[in-house]
Amino acid sequence: MPSAEGGTTAQPGPSAEAGSVADPGAVAGILLAAGQGSRLGRPKALVEIGGESLARRGVALLRDGGAAPIVVVTGAVAVDLPGVLAVHNPDWHSGMGSSLAAGLAIVPDACAAAVIALVDQPLIGPDAVRRLIAAHAAGASVAVAAYQGAPRNPVLLAREHWAEVVALAAGGDAGARPFLRAHPELVTLVECGDTGRPDDLDTRSDLDRLAGLVPPLPPHGAPASQD
């Protein structure tokens, strides 16, 4: 899983709002938005592109793709979004591994899996999330979105793997990547090249380039596109 930076400080611990109760077997969505955006010069979670913050876009990506509830992991800055489970990672300086652990820790027990997305990839479309969830429903315990055959994000992880994912991610900035490399036999690649692109927004030049490529979010309440 490529590294992400995202999201002064939110209150420690999770907070839940409307819509956070999970159905049995549900697939949660986790948005990693905790970093300070050192190369960009500001936290990415609050950066606006297409008139919306990257954090709000990330939540919409997961929600429109069918994940529920949505967990947002913050760190360098607070992110105030309705209808999500928010958790502050006090160890966000240590890298993405601690944010992944914080997010997985507050997913409701009823959820059988979680889709992990990064706040700095605004060109990924909700159909990618939808396809990962469909792959899980078909029996995949680990599903990774691929673009022209190359694995990127988002990533779906079944609950049975979370303990090992967290153990291998501890203290690093590679997220789920160590687990994926250790268990290639578990990985189902799901081609998503026709649903969007996994471009990272790391620098000011990235922001300028992607600003012209990011479509505006649909009006509130409008249905997301379907395959």
Protein backbone atom coordinates (compact mmCIF):
# COMPACT_ATOMS: atom_id res chain seq x y z
CA MET A 1 0.00 0.00 0.00
CA PRO A 2 1.62 3.28 -1.03
CA SER A 3 2.26 5.84 1.66
CA ALA A 4 -0.24 8.61 2.25
CA GLU A 5 -0.27 11.92 4.01
CA GLY A 6 -3.40 13.68 4.96
CA GLY A 7 -4.80 15.09 7.61
CA THR A 8 -4.86 21.41 15.12
CA THR A 9 -5.31 18.44 16.77
CA ALA A 10 -8.53 16.45 17.06
CA GLN A 11 -9.67 15.13 20.40
CA PRO A 12 -8.19 11.73 21.27
CA GLY A 13 -10.43 8.72 20.84
CA PRO A 14 -13.28 7.89 18.47
CA SER A 15 -16.44 9.91 17.97
CA ALA A 16 -19.49 8.54 16.19
CA GLU A 17 -22.30 10.31 14.42
CA ALA A 18 -25.41 9.24 12.55
CA GLY A 19 -25.05 6.30 10.23
CA SER A 20 -22.16 4.68 12.08
CA VAL A 21 -23.97 1.48 13.15
CA ALA A 22 -22.83 -1.47 11.06
CA ASP A 23 -24.99 -4.24 9.65
CA PRO A 24 -23.73 -7.79 10.24
CA GLY A 25 -21.15 -8.64 7.61
CA ALA A 26 -20.82 -5.02 6.47
CA VAL A 27 -17.65 -3.69 4.90
CA ALA A 28 -16.35 -0.55 6.59
CA GLY A 29 -14.40 2.19 4.89
CA ILE A 30 -11.26 3.68 6.46
CA LEU A 31 -9.81 6.97 5.20
CA LEU A 32 -6.23 7.60 6.31
CA ALA A 33 -5.92 11.38 6.67
CA ALA A 34 -3.42 11.95 9.46
CA GLY A 35 -0.21 13.33 7.94
CA GLN A 36 1.04 16.89 7.75
CA GLY A 37 1.74 16.99 4.01
CA SER A 38 5.39 17.96 4.42
CA ARG A 39 6.17 18.10 0.70
CA LEU A 40 2.99 19.98 -0.09
CA GLY A 41 3.55 22.42 2.75
CA ARG A 42 0.17 21.89 4.43
CA PRO A 43 -1.99 18.98 5.62
CA LYS A 44 -3.65 17.32 2.67
CA ALA A 45 -6.91 16.52 4.46
CA LEU A 46 -7.96 20.18 4.30
CA VAL A 47 -6.65 20.93 0.80
CA GLU A 48 -9.51 21.79 -1.53
CA ILE A 49 -9.67 20.53 -5.08
CA GLY A 50 -12.71 20.88 -7.31
CA GLY A 51 -14.31 22.96 -4.57
CA GLU A 52 -14.19 20.21 -1.92
CA SER A 53 -11.61 19.14 0.64
CA LEU A 54 -9.64 15.97 0.02
CA ALA A 55 -11.04 14.56 3.27
CA ARG A 56 -14.64 15.10 2.15
CA ARG A 57 -13.82 13.59 -1.24
CA GLY A 58 -12.29 10.55 0.43
CA VAL A 59 -15.36 10.00 2.57
CA ALA A 60 -17.59 10.34 -0.51
CA LEU A 61 -15.39 7.83 -2.38
CA LEU A 62 -15.90 5.18 0.30
CA ARG A 63 -19.55 5.92 0.98
CA ASP A 64 -20.55 6.07 -2.69
CA GLY A 65 -18.67 2.81 -3.23
CA GLY A 66 -20.88 1.06 -0.67
CA ALA A 67 -18.66 0.99 2.42
CA ALA A 68 -20.32 1.63 5.78
CA PRO A 69 -19.62 2.87 8.34
CA ILE A 70 -16.83 5.28 7.36
CA VAL A 71 -13.83 5.78 9.68
CA VAL A 72 -11.62 8.85 9.28
CA VAL A 73 -8.21 8.76 10.96
CA THR A 74 -6.81 12.22 11.72
CA GLY A 75 -3.55 13.43 13.20
CA ALA A 76 -1.88 16.67 12.16
CA VAL A 77 -5.19 18.50 11.81
CA ALA A 78 -8.76 17.99 12.92
CA VAL A 79 -11.28 17.02 10.27
CA ASP A 80 -14.93 17.73 11.03
CA LEU A 81 -17.19 15.69 8.77
CA PRO A 82 -20.75 14.52 9.47
CA GLY A 83 -21.81 10.92 9.63
CA VAL A 84 -18.39 9.34 10.18
CA LEU A 85 -16.48 7.60 12.95
CA ALA A 86 -13.53 9.88 13.64
CA VAL A 87 -10.42 8.80 15.52
CA HIS A 88 -7.35 10.89 16.33
CA ASN A 89 -4.01 9.09 16.00
CA PRO A 90 -1.67 10.69 18.56
CA ASP A 91 1.25 8.76 17.03
CA TRP A 92 0.69 10.04 13.49
CA HIS A 93 4.32 11.22 13.30
CA SER A 94 5.42 7.56 13.33
CA GLY A 95 3.90 6.88 9.93
CA MET A 96 0.89 5.33 8.28
CA GLY A 97 1.13 2.06 10.17
CA SER A 98 -0.11 3.64 13.39
CA SER A 99 -3.00 5.32 11.56
CA LEU A 100 -4.03 2.03 9.98
CA ALA A 101 -4.01 0.40 13.42
CA ALA A 102 -6.07 3.24 14.90
CA GLY A 103 -8.64 2.99 12.14
CA LEU A 104 -9.04 -0.78 12.29
CA ALA A 105 -9.34 -0.64 16.09
CA ILE A 106 -12.63 1.29 16.03
CA VAL A 107 -14.38 -0.54 13.19
CA PRO A 108 -17.58 -2.00 14.68
CA ASP A 109 -17.43 -5.69 15.50
CA ALA A 110 -20.19 -6.47 13.02
CA CYS A 111 -18.00 -5.51 10.06
CA ALA A 112 -16.41 -8.46 8.28
CA ALA A 113 -13.88 -6.40 6.32
CA ALA A 114 -12.65 -2.87 5.67
CA VAL A 115 -11.65 -0.96 2.56
CA ILE A 116 -8.62 1.27 3.18
CA ALA A 117 -8.29 4.47 1.15
CA LEU A 118 -5.77 7.31 1.22
CA VAL A 119 -6.74 10.95 1.42
CA ASP A 120 -4.29 12.04 -1.29
CA GLN A 121 -5.63 10.10 -4.29
CA PRO A 122 -8.58 12.17 -5.54
CA LEU A 123 -8.82 10.54 -8.99
CA ILE A 124 -9.83 7.13 -7.63
CA GLY A 125 -13.51 6.47 -8.29
CA PRO A 126 -16.18 4.84 -6.13
CA ASP A 127 -16.53 1.97 -8.61
CA ALA A 128 -13.12 0.76 -7.42
CA VAL A 129 -14.48 0.45 -3.88
CA ARG A 130 -17.60 -1.22 -5.21
CA ARG A 131 -15.55 -3.82 -7.09
CA LEU A 132 -13.44 -4.64 -4.04
CA ILE A 133 -16.57 -5.19 -1.97
CA ALA A 134 -17.98 -7.42 -4.71
CA ALA A 135 -14.74 -9.43 -4.75
CA HIS A 136 -15.04 -9.90 -0.99
CA ALA A 137 -18.63 -11.04 -1.37
CA ALA A 138 -17.37 -13.58 -3.92
CA GLY A 139 -14.88 -15.01 -1.42
CA ALA A 140 -11.73 -12.82 -1.51
CA SER A 141 -10.29 -12.07 1.92
CA VAL A 142 -7.75 -9.58 0.51
CA ALA A 143 -8.59 -7.53 -2.57
CA VAL A 144 -6.37 -4.84 -4.09
CA ALA A 145 -7.38 -2.36 -6.77
CA ALA A 146 -5.11 -2.60 -9.81
CA TYR A 147 -4.60 -0.14 -12.64
CA GLN A 148 -3.43 -1.72 -15.88
CA GLY A 149 -2.38 -4.67 -13.76
CA ALA A 150 -0.34 -2.70 -11.20
CA PRO A 151 -1.59 -3.00 -7.59
CA ARG A 152 -2.34 0.31 -5.86
CA ASN A 153 -5.28 1.53 -3.76
CA PRO A 154 -7.83 1.07 -2.29
CA VAL A 155 -7.23 -2.22 -0.47
CA LEU A 156 -9.83 -4.47 1.17
CA LEU A 157 -8.81 -6.55 4.17
CA ALA A 158 -10.99 -9.16 5.85
CA ARG A 159 -11.13 -8.97 9.65
CA GLU A 160 -9.32 -12.28 10.04
CA HIS A 161 -6.12 -10.62 8.82
CA TRP A 162 -6.21 -7.39 10.79
CA ALA A 163 -4.06 -8.50 13.72
CA GLU A 164 -1.22 -9.54 11.42
CA VAL A 165 -1.65 -6.46 9.23
CA VAL A 166 -1.25 -4.23 12.28
CA ALA A 167 1.72 -6.22 13.62
CA LEU A 168 3.61 -6.00 10.32
CA ALA A 169 2.72 -2.32 9.82
CA ALA A 170 3.84 -1.20 13.28
CA GLY A 171 6.30 1.67 13.37
CA GLY A 172 6.42 2.16 9.62
CA ASP A 173 4.92 4.21 6.82
CA ALA A 174 4.03 1.39 4.43
CA GLY A 175 0.53 0.64 5.73
CA ALA A 176 -0.67 -2.80 4.65
CA ARG A 177 2.15 -3.32 2.15
CA PRO A 178 4.30 -5.58 4.40
CA PHE A 179 1.32 -7.90 4.91
CA LEU A 180 0.53 -7.96 1.19
CA ARG A 181 4.14 -8.80 0.34
CA ALA A 182 4.22 -11.53 2.98
CA HIS A 183 1.04 -13.18 1.67
CA PRO A 184 0.81 -12.84 -2.11
CA GLU A 185 -1.25 -16.03 -2.21
CA LEU A 186 -4.09 -14.22 -0.44
CA VAL A 187 -4.24 -11.23 -2.78
CA THR A 188 -6.97 -10.92 -5.37
CA LEU A 189 -6.16 -8.15 -7.86
CA VAL A 190 -9.23 -6.30 -9.06
CA GLU A 191 -8.74 -4.30 -12.24
CA CYS A 192 -10.01 -0.75 -11.81
CA GLY A 193 -8.17 1.09 -14.57
CA ASP A 194 -11.44 2.09 -16.18
CA THR A 195 -12.84 3.58 -12.96
CA GLY A 196 -10.19 6.21 -12.20
CA ARG A 197 -6.49 6.75 -11.57
CA PRO A 198 -4.31 6.30 -8.46
CA ASP A 199 -2.28 9.52 -8.87
CA ASP A 200 -0.81 10.75 -5.58
CA LEU A 201 -1.10 14.39 -4.58
CA ASP A 202 2.24 15.03 -2.87
CA THR A 203 3.51 18.41 -4.14
CA ARG A 204 2.24 21.77 -5.33
CA SER A 205 2.86 20.70 -8.93
CA ASP A 206 0.74 17.60 -8.31
CA LEU A 207 -2.04 19.82 -6.98
CA ASP A 208 -1.89 22.09 -10.00
CA ARG A 209 -1.92 19.10 -12.37
CA LEU A 210 -4.72 17.19 -10.68
CA ALA A 211 -6.93 20.26 -10.20
CA GLY A 212 -7.77 20.17 -13.89
CA LEU A 213 -8.54 16.44 -13.83
CA VAL A 214 -10.71 16.09 -10.75
CA PRO A 215 -14.44 16.15 -11.51
CA PRO A 216 -16.71 18.11 -9.17
CA LEU A 217 -18.58 16.07 -6.60
CA PRO A 218 -22.21 15.33 -7.50
CA PRO A 219 -24.87 17.44 -5.76
CA HIS A 220 -25.72 16.26 -2.28
CA GLY A 221 -28.03 13.27 -2.52
CA ALA A 222 -27.32 12.59 -6.18
CA PRO A 223 -26.64 8.90 -6.96
CA ALA A 224 -23.09 7.82 -7.69
CA SER A 225 -22.25 6.40 -11.09
CA GLN A 226 -22.66 2.63 -11.50
CA ASP A 227 -20.69 0.09 -13.56
